[in-house]
Amino acid sequence: MKKKIIFAHLAILGANLIYAVNYGFAKDVMNGGYLPPFTFILFRAIGATFLFWITSMFYYEKILKFTKNYKSAANWLMGPVQGYLNENAKNWNDWSMPANKLGELISIVETNLVSFSAASQQILPLLIQNPKKIPKTIAEDLKLIQQSDADALMIPIQEALDKYPEKVEEYRAGKKGLIGLFMGEVMKITKGSADPGITNKLLRKILDS
């Protein structure tokens, strides 16, 4: 493992060195007419992509110690994490959240304790600001823990259906797309805490009966 860590650090150092030299020679190369602007920009983009790949793979390996879902871990790095870096004009050198914290966040989504949208849009920003906090604790404080108990969910589901009796009839007449309306109403009533998968199944079971 130590050899892998040393290799990863050397790879990151090499990528940074190449990128830095590239940046330092920018004016001389472009002013001298050796390379057209577009070609130089392309080289820099390739260098940045290589740096991102090396760094993210090193971090990715650490995350997999805390979650076994390889695909989910990769999606988080390429989605919410990279999105945060892009929006804040940062790069992977600026990313300091411990891998175990992101792994814990991924885990509470996988176990359906919180939805992906709540985790990525509400918990992740707070976790970035307070990396010592526990993702589940943040979810509890924000009341984002999903309701997955079928009996408890029947109350907001029935409330949503009672609000739109004519839409219920339209659904049963063939307008199956109205399921989105009922889902949205349940989410509104529960403030987004209803488990989407279980809610959808319960709604269809009632409406199709």
C-alpha atoms as a PDB file:
ATOM      1  CA  MET A   1       0.000   0.000   0.000  1.00  0.00           C
ATOM      2  CA  LYS A   2       2.869   2.405   0.835  1.00  0.00           C
ATOM      3  CA  LYS A   3       4.317   1.903  -2.657  1.00  0.00           C
ATOM      4  CA  LYS A   4       0.943   2.814  -4.197  1.00  0.00           C
ATOM      5  CA  ILE A   5       0.727   5.973  -2.098  1.00  0.00           C
ATOM      6  CA  ILE A   6       4.270   7.031  -3.027  1.00  0.00           C
ATOM      7  CA  PHE A   7       3.582   6.354  -6.713  1.00  0.00           C
ATOM      8  CA  ALA A   8       0.333   8.333  -6.562  1.00  0.00           C
ATOM      9  CA  HIS A   9       2.083  11.321  -4.983  1.00  0.00           C
ATOM     10  CA  LEU A  10       4.887  11.206  -7.564  1.00  0.00           C
ATOM     11  CA  ALA A  11       2.312  11.027 -10.360  1.00  0.00           C
ATOM     12  CA  ILE A  12       0.465  14.055  -8.988  1.00  0.00           C
ATOM     13  CA  LEU A  13       3.756  15.938  -8.571  1.00  0.00           C
ATOM     14  CA  GLY A  14       4.755  15.096 -12.158  1.00  0.00           C
ATOM     15  CA  ALA A  15       1.395  16.187 -13.542  1.00  0.00           C
ATOM     16  CA  ASN A  16       1.587  19.448 -11.611  1.00  0.00           C
ATOM     17  CA  LEU A  17       5.138  20.051 -12.841  1.00  0.00           C
ATOM     18  CA  ILE A  18       4.149  19.505 -16.467  1.00  0.00           C
ATOM     19  CA  TYR A  19       1.168  21.816 -16.057  1.00  0.00           C
ATOM     20  CA  ALA A  20       3.261  24.489 -14.306  1.00  0.00           C
ATOM     21  CA  VAL A  21       5.991  24.445 -16.960  1.00  0.00           C
ATOM     22  CA  ASN A  22       3.322  24.586 -19.634  1.00  0.00           C
ATOM     23  CA  TYR A  23       1.818  27.650 -17.974  1.00  0.00           C
ATOM     24  CA  GLY A  24       5.213  29.325 -17.536  1.00  0.00           C
ATOM     25  CA  PHE A  25       6.085  28.989 -21.214  1.00  0.00           C
ATOM     26  CA  ALA A  26       2.651  30.146 -22.378  1.00  0.00           C
ATOM     27  CA  LYS A  27       3.573  33.675 -23.407  1.00  0.00           C
ATOM     28  CA  ASP A  28       6.876  32.737 -25.048  1.00  0.00           C
ATOM     29  CA  VAL A  29       5.362  29.896 -27.040  1.00  0.00           C
ATOM     30  CA  MET A  30       2.307  31.821 -28.199  1.00  0.00           C
ATOM     31  CA  ASN A  31       4.123  35.105 -28.863  1.00  0.00           C
ATOM     32  CA  GLY A  32       6.838  33.288 -30.793  1.00  0.00           C
ATOM     33  CA  GLY A  33       4.272  31.741 -33.072  1.00  0.00           C
ATOM     34  CA  TYR A  34       5.394  28.203 -32.300  1.00  0.00           C
ATOM     35  CA  LEU A  35       1.864  27.054 -31.535  1.00  0.00           C
ATOM     36  CA  PRO A  36      -1.502  28.576 -32.436  1.00  0.00           C
ATOM     37  CA  PRO A  37      -3.643  29.587 -29.424  1.00  0.00           C
ATOM     38  CA  PHE A  38      -6.167  26.780 -29.929  1.00  0.00           C
ATOM     39  CA  THR A  39      -3.456  24.089 -29.916  1.00  0.00           C
ATOM     40  CA  PHE A  40      -1.905  25.484 -26.760  1.00  0.00           C
ATOM     41  CA  ILE A  41      -5.292  25.612 -25.023  1.00  0.00           C
ATOM     42  CA  LEU A  42      -5.874  22.007 -26.086  1.00  0.00           C
ATOM     43  CA  PHE A  43      -2.555  20.942 -24.552  1.00  0.00           C
ATOM     44  CA  ARG A  44      -3.439  22.694 -21.306  1.00  0.00           C
ATOM     45  CA  ALA A  45      -6.867  21.056 -21.247  1.00  0.00           C
ATOM     46  CA  ILE A  46      -5.280  17.627 -21.707  1.00  0.00           C
ATOM     47  CA  GLY A  47      -2.832  18.397 -18.881  1.00  0.00           C
ATOM     48  CA  ALA A  48      -5.632  19.476 -16.564  1.00  0.00           C
ATOM     49  CA  THR A  49      -7.669  16.366 -17.429  1.00  0.00           C
ATOM     50  CA  PHE A  50      -4.676  14.142 -16.703  1.00  0.00           C
ATOM     51  CA  LEU A  51      -4.133  15.868 -13.356  1.00  0.00           C
ATOM     52  CA  PHE A  52      -7.819  15.440 -12.439  1.00  0.00           C
ATOM     53  CA  TRP A  53      -7.727  11.759 -13.368  1.00  0.00           C
ATOM     54  CA  ILE A  54      -4.619  10.965 -11.315  1.00  0.00           C
ATOM     55  CA  THR A  55      -5.831  12.892  -8.253  1.00  0.00           C
ATOM     56  CA  SER A  56      -9.395  11.628  -8.346  1.00  0.00           C
ATOM     57  CA  MET A  57      -8.281   8.005  -8.781  1.00  0.00           C
ATOM     58  CA  PHE A  58      -6.026   8.322  -5.722  1.00  0.00           C
ATOM     59  CA  TYR A  59      -8.957   9.741  -3.714  1.00  0.00           C
ATOM     60  CA  TYR A  60     -11.349   7.195  -5.258  1.00  0.00           C
ATOM     61  CA  GLU A  61      -9.267   4.322  -3.910  1.00  0.00           C
ATOM     62  CA  LYS A  62      -9.557   5.761  -0.408  1.00  0.00           C
ATOM     63  CA  ILE A  63     -13.352   6.129  -0.687  1.00  0.00           C
ATOM     64  CA  LEU A  64     -13.709   2.449  -1.581  1.00  0.00           C
ATOM     65  CA  LYS A  65     -12.482   1.582   1.908  1.00  0.00           C
ATOM     66  CA  PHE A  66     -15.745   3.006   3.233  1.00  0.00           C
ATOM     67  CA  THR A  67     -18.204   1.944   0.514  1.00  0.00           C
ATOM     68  CA  LYS A  68     -18.233  -1.064  -1.782  1.00  0.00           C
ATOM     69  CA  ASN A  69     -20.385   0.582  -4.426  1.00  0.00           C
ATOM     70  CA  TYR A  70     -17.738   1.354  -7.074  1.00  0.00           C
ATOM     71  CA  LYS A  71     -20.203   2.926  -9.496  1.00  0.00           C
ATOM     72  CA  SER A  72     -21.782   5.180  -6.881  1.00  0.00           C
ATOM     73  CA  ALA A  73     -18.387   6.398  -5.669  1.00  0.00           C
ATOM     74  CA  ALA A  74     -17.339   7.246  -9.229  1.00  0.00           C
ATOM     75  CA  ASN A  75     -20.638   9.031  -9.897  1.00  0.00           C
ATOM     76  CA  TRP A  76     -20.199  11.166  -6.779  1.00  0.00           C
ATOM     77  CA  LEU A  77     -16.704  12.214  -7.828  1.00  0.00           C
ATOM     78  CA  MET A  78     -17.716  13.057 -11.395  1.00  0.00           C
ATOM     79  CA  GLY A  79     -21.028  14.618 -10.354  1.00  0.00           C
ATOM     80  CA  PRO A  80     -21.521  16.529  -7.057  1.00  0.00           C
ATOM     81  CA  VAL A  81     -17.847  16.813  -6.126  1.00  0.00           C
ATOM     82  CA  GLN A  82     -16.632  17.945  -9.546  1.00  0.00           C
ATOM     83  CA  GLY A  83     -19.672  20.200  -9.783  1.00  0.00           C
ATOM     84  CA  TYR A  84     -18.719  21.900  -6.521  1.00  0.00           C
ATOM     85  CA  LEU A  85     -15.134  22.388  -7.701  1.00  0.00           C
ATOM     86  CA  ASN A  86     -16.289  23.876 -11.018  1.00  0.00           C
ATOM     87  CA  GLU A  87     -18.833  26.219  -9.442  1.00  0.00           C
ATOM     88  CA  ASN A  88     -16.272  27.554  -6.982  1.00  0.00           C
ATOM     89  CA  ALA A  89     -13.393  27.809  -9.491  1.00  0.00           C
ATOM     90  CA  LYS A  90     -11.380  25.224  -7.562  1.00  0.00           C
ATOM     91  CA  ASN A  91      -9.429  22.128  -8.555  1.00  0.00           C
ATOM     92  CA  TRP A  92      -8.578  18.841  -6.888  1.00  0.00           C
ATOM     93  CA  ASN A  93      -5.628  20.384  -5.078  1.00  0.00           C
ATOM     94  CA  ASP A  94      -8.178  22.459  -3.139  1.00  0.00           C
ATOM     95  CA  TRP A  95     -10.348  19.482  -2.162  1.00  0.00           C
ATOM     96  CA  SER A  96      -9.687  18.656   1.498  1.00  0.00           C
ATOM     97  CA  MET A  97     -12.677  16.599   2.644  1.00  0.00           C
ATOM     98  CA  PRO A  98     -11.487  13.291   4.142  1.00  0.00           C
ATOM     99  CA  ALA A  99     -12.410  10.307   1.996  1.00  0.00           C
ATOM    100  CA  ASN A 100     -14.119   8.582   4.925  1.00  0.00           C
ATOM    101  CA  LYS A 101     -16.609  11.469   5.225  1.00  0.00           C
ATOM    102  CA  LEU A 102     -17.616  11.263   1.582  1.00  0.00           C
ATOM    103  CA  GLY A 103     -17.774   7.476   1.955  1.00  0.00           C
ATOM    104  CA  GLU A 104     -20.147   7.876   4.922  1.00  0.00           C
ATOM    105  CA  LEU A 105     -22.317  10.267   2.925  1.00  0.00           C
ATOM    106  CA  ILE A 106     -22.497   7.809   0.030  1.00  0.00           C
ATOM    107  CA  SER A 107     -23.415   5.029   2.466  1.00  0.00           C
ATOM    108  CA  ILE A 108     -26.442   6.810   3.952  1.00  0.00           C
ATOM    109  CA  VAL A 109     -27.735   7.355   0.416  1.00  0.00           C
ATOM    110  CA  GLU A 110     -27.179   3.686  -0.481  1.00  0.00           C
ATOM    111  CA  THR A 111     -29.094   2.562   2.614  1.00  0.00           C
ATOM    112  CA  ASN A 112     -31.960   4.925   1.696  1.00  0.00           C
ATOM    113  CA  LEU A 113     -31.612   6.985   4.860  1.00  0.00           C
ATOM    114  CA  VAL A 114     -31.549  10.124   2.703  1.00  0.00           C
ATOM    115  CA  SER A 115     -32.205  10.832  -0.952  1.00  0.00           C
ATOM    116  CA  PHE A 116     -29.388  11.543  -3.393  1.00  0.00           C
ATOM    117  CA  SER A 117     -30.690  15.075  -4.020  1.00  0.00           C
ATOM    118  CA  ALA A 118     -30.805  15.883  -0.300  1.00  0.00           C
ATOM    119  CA  ALA A 119     -27.326  14.439   0.215  1.00  0.00           C
ATOM    120  CA  SER A 120     -25.721  16.236  -2.734  1.00  0.00           C
ATOM    121  CA  GLN A 121     -27.541  19.564  -2.478  1.00  0.00           C
ATOM    122  CA  GLN A 122     -27.940  20.051   1.270  1.00  0.00           C
ATOM    123  CA  ILE A 123     -25.636  17.752   3.240  1.00  0.00           C
ATOM    124  CA  LEU A 124     -22.529  17.909   1.021  1.00  0.00           C
ATOM    125  CA  PRO A 125     -22.149  21.744   1.179  1.00  0.00           C
ATOM    126  CA  LEU A 126     -22.396  21.662   4.986  1.00  0.00           C
ATOM    127  CA  LEU A 127     -19.991  18.747   5.187  1.00  0.00           C
ATOM    128  CA  ILE A 128     -17.471  20.660   3.082  1.00  0.00           C
ATOM    129  CA  GLN A 129     -17.665  23.566   5.529  1.00  0.00           C
ATOM    130  CA  ASN A 130     -17.611  21.273   8.586  1.00  0.00           C
ATOM    131  CA  PRO A 131     -15.691  18.109   7.604  1.00  0.00           C
ATOM    132  CA  LYS A 132     -15.560  16.900  11.223  1.00  0.00           C
ATOM    133  CA  LYS A 133     -19.328  16.483  11.359  1.00  0.00           C
ATOM    134  CA  ILE A 134     -21.039  13.154  10.753  1.00  0.00           C
ATOM    135  CA  PRO A 135     -23.221  13.044   7.596  1.00  0.00           C
ATOM    136  CA  LYS A 136     -26.026  11.186   9.362  1.00  0.00           C
ATOM    137  CA  THR A 137     -26.073  13.771  12.160  1.00  0.00           C
ATOM    138  CA  ILE A 138     -26.385  16.585   9.630  1.00  0.00           C
ATOM    139  CA  ALA A 139     -29.266  14.711   7.970  1.00  0.00           C
ATOM    140  CA  GLU A 140     -31.011  14.331  11.324  1.00  0.00           C
ATOM    141  CA  ASP A 141     -30.504  17.994  12.211  1.00  0.00           C
ATOM    142  CA  LEU A 142     -31.999  19.059   8.877  1.00  0.00           C
ATOM    143  CA  LYS A 143     -34.798  16.465   9.192  1.00  0.00           C
ATOM    144  CA  LEU A 144     -33.756  14.815   5.931  1.00  0.00           C
ATOM    145  CA  ILE A 145     -34.027  11.206   7.092  1.00  0.00           C
ATOM    146  CA  GLN A 146     -36.403   9.487   4.692  1.00  0.00           C
ATOM    147  CA  GLN A 147     -39.669   7.968   5.845  1.00  0.00           C
ATOM    148  CA  SER A 148     -39.661   4.352   4.717  1.00  0.00           C
ATOM    149  CA  ASP A 149     -42.344   2.898   6.981  1.00  0.00           C
ATOM    150  CA  ALA A 150     -45.268   1.937   4.746  1.00  0.00           C
ATOM    151  CA  ASP A 151     -47.921   2.482   7.422  1.00  0.00           C
ATOM    152  CA  ALA A 152     -46.609   5.948   8.242  1.00  0.00           C
ATOM    153  CA  LEU A 153     -46.446   6.886   4.554  1.00  0.00           C
ATOM    154  CA  MET A 154     -50.077   5.945   3.986  1.00  0.00           C
ATOM    155  CA  ILE A 155     -51.180   9.095   5.844  1.00  0.00           C
ATOM    156  CA  PRO A 156     -49.544  11.673   3.511  1.00  0.00           C
ATOM    157  CA  ILE A 157     -50.342   9.483   0.485  1.00  0.00           C
ATOM    158  CA  GLN A 158     -54.040   9.434   1.323  1.00  0.00           C
ATOM    159  CA  GLU A 159     -53.936  13.179   1.989  1.00  0.00           C
ATOM    160  CA  ALA A 160     -52.421  13.762  -1.452  1.00  0.00           C
ATOM    161  CA  LEU A 161     -55.040  11.600  -3.174  1.00  0.00           C
ATOM    162  CA  ASP A 162     -57.907  13.256  -1.273  1.00  0.00           C
ATOM    163  CA  LYS A 163     -56.695  16.640  -2.506  1.00  0.00           C
ATOM    164  CA  TYR A 164     -57.083  15.646  -6.176  1.00  0.00           C
ATOM    165  CA  PRO A 165     -60.101  13.291  -6.441  1.00  0.00           C
ATOM    166  CA  GLU A 166     -60.711  14.235 -10.072  1.00  0.00           C
ATOM    167  CA  LYS A 167     -57.070  13.517 -10.936  1.00  0.00           C
ATOM    168  CA  VAL A 168     -57.394  10.110  -9.310  1.00  0.00           C
ATOM    169  CA  GLU A 169     -60.251   9.325 -11.685  1.00  0.00           C
ATOM    170  CA  GLU A 170     -58.244  10.595 -14.654  1.00  0.00           C
ATOM    171  CA  TYR A 171     -55.304   8.375 -13.653  1.00  0.00           C
ATOM    172  CA  ARG A 172     -57.568   5.348 -13.454  1.00  0.00           C
ATOM    173  CA  ALA A 173     -58.986   6.283 -16.837  1.00  0.00           C
ATOM    174  CA  GLY A 174     -55.555   5.943 -18.390  1.00  0.00           C
ATOM    175  CA  LYS A 175     -53.526   9.107 -17.630  1.00  0.00           C
ATOM    176  CA  LYS A 176     -50.709   7.289 -15.869  1.00  0.00           C
ATOM    177  CA  GLY A 177     -48.446  10.326 -16.105  1.00  0.00           C
ATOM    178  CA  LEU A 178     -50.392  11.873 -13.221  1.00  0.00           C
ATOM    179  CA  ILE A 179     -48.368   9.697 -10.861  1.00  0.00           C
ATOM    180  CA  GLY A 180     -45.844  12.547 -10.885  1.00  0.00           C
ATOM    181  CA  LEU A 181     -48.470  14.945  -9.509  1.00  0.00           C
ATOM    182  CA  PHE A 182     -49.261  12.633  -6.602  1.00  0.00           C
ATOM    183  CA  MET A 183     -45.574  11.993  -5.918  1.00  0.00           C
ATOM    184  CA  GLY A 184     -44.904  15.712  -5.853  1.00  0.00           C
ATOM    185  CA  GLU A 185     -47.765  16.317  -3.437  1.00  0.00           C
ATOM    186  CA  VAL A 186     -46.575  13.592  -1.059  1.00  0.00           C
ATOM    187  CA  MET A 187     -43.069  15.058  -1.148  1.00  0.00           C
ATOM    188  CA  LYS A 188     -44.519  18.483  -0.432  1.00  0.00           C
ATOM    189  CA  ILE A 189     -46.515  17.189   2.539  1.00  0.00           C
ATOM    190  CA  THR A 190     -43.546  15.274   3.974  1.00  0.00           C
ATOM    191  CA  LYS A 191     -41.100  18.077   3.118  1.00  0.00           C
ATOM    192  CA  GLY A 192     -39.132  15.715   0.923  1.00  0.00           C
ATOM    193  CA  SER A 193     -38.622  13.055   3.588  1.00  0.00           C
ATOM    194  CA  ALA A 194     -40.751  10.317   1.979  1.00  0.00           C
ATOM    195  CA  ASP A 195     -38.745   7.482   0.427  1.00  0.00           C
ATOM    196  CA  PRO A 196     -39.422   7.932  -3.338  1.00  0.00           C
ATOM    197  CA  GLY A 197     -39.237   4.253  -4.214  1.00  0.00           C
ATOM    198  CA  ILE A 198     -41.586   3.048  -1.493  1.00  0.00           C
ATOM    199  CA  THR A 199     -43.939   6.011  -2.001  1.00  0.00           C
ATOM    200  CA  ASN A 200     -44.181   5.297  -5.727  1.00  0.00           C
ATOM    201  CA  LYS A 201     -44.996   1.626  -5.129  1.00  0.00           C
ATOM    202  CA  LEU A 202     -47.668   2.445  -2.532  1.00  0.00           C
ATOM    203  CA  LEU A 203     -49.260   5.077  -4.758  1.00  0.00           C
ATOM    204  CA  ARG A 204     -49.462   2.706  -7.731  1.00  0.00           C
ATOM    205  CA  LYS A 205     -50.836  -0.080  -5.548  1.00  0.00           C
ATOM    206  CA  ILE A 206     -53.663   2.158  -4.300  1.00  0.00           C
ATOM    207  CA  LEU A 207     -54.404   3.793  -7.648  1.00  0.00           C
ATOM    208  CA  ASP A 208     -54.348   0.549  -9.607  1.00  0.00           C
ATOM    209  CA  SER A 209     -56.573  -1.331  -7.158  1.00  0.00           C
END
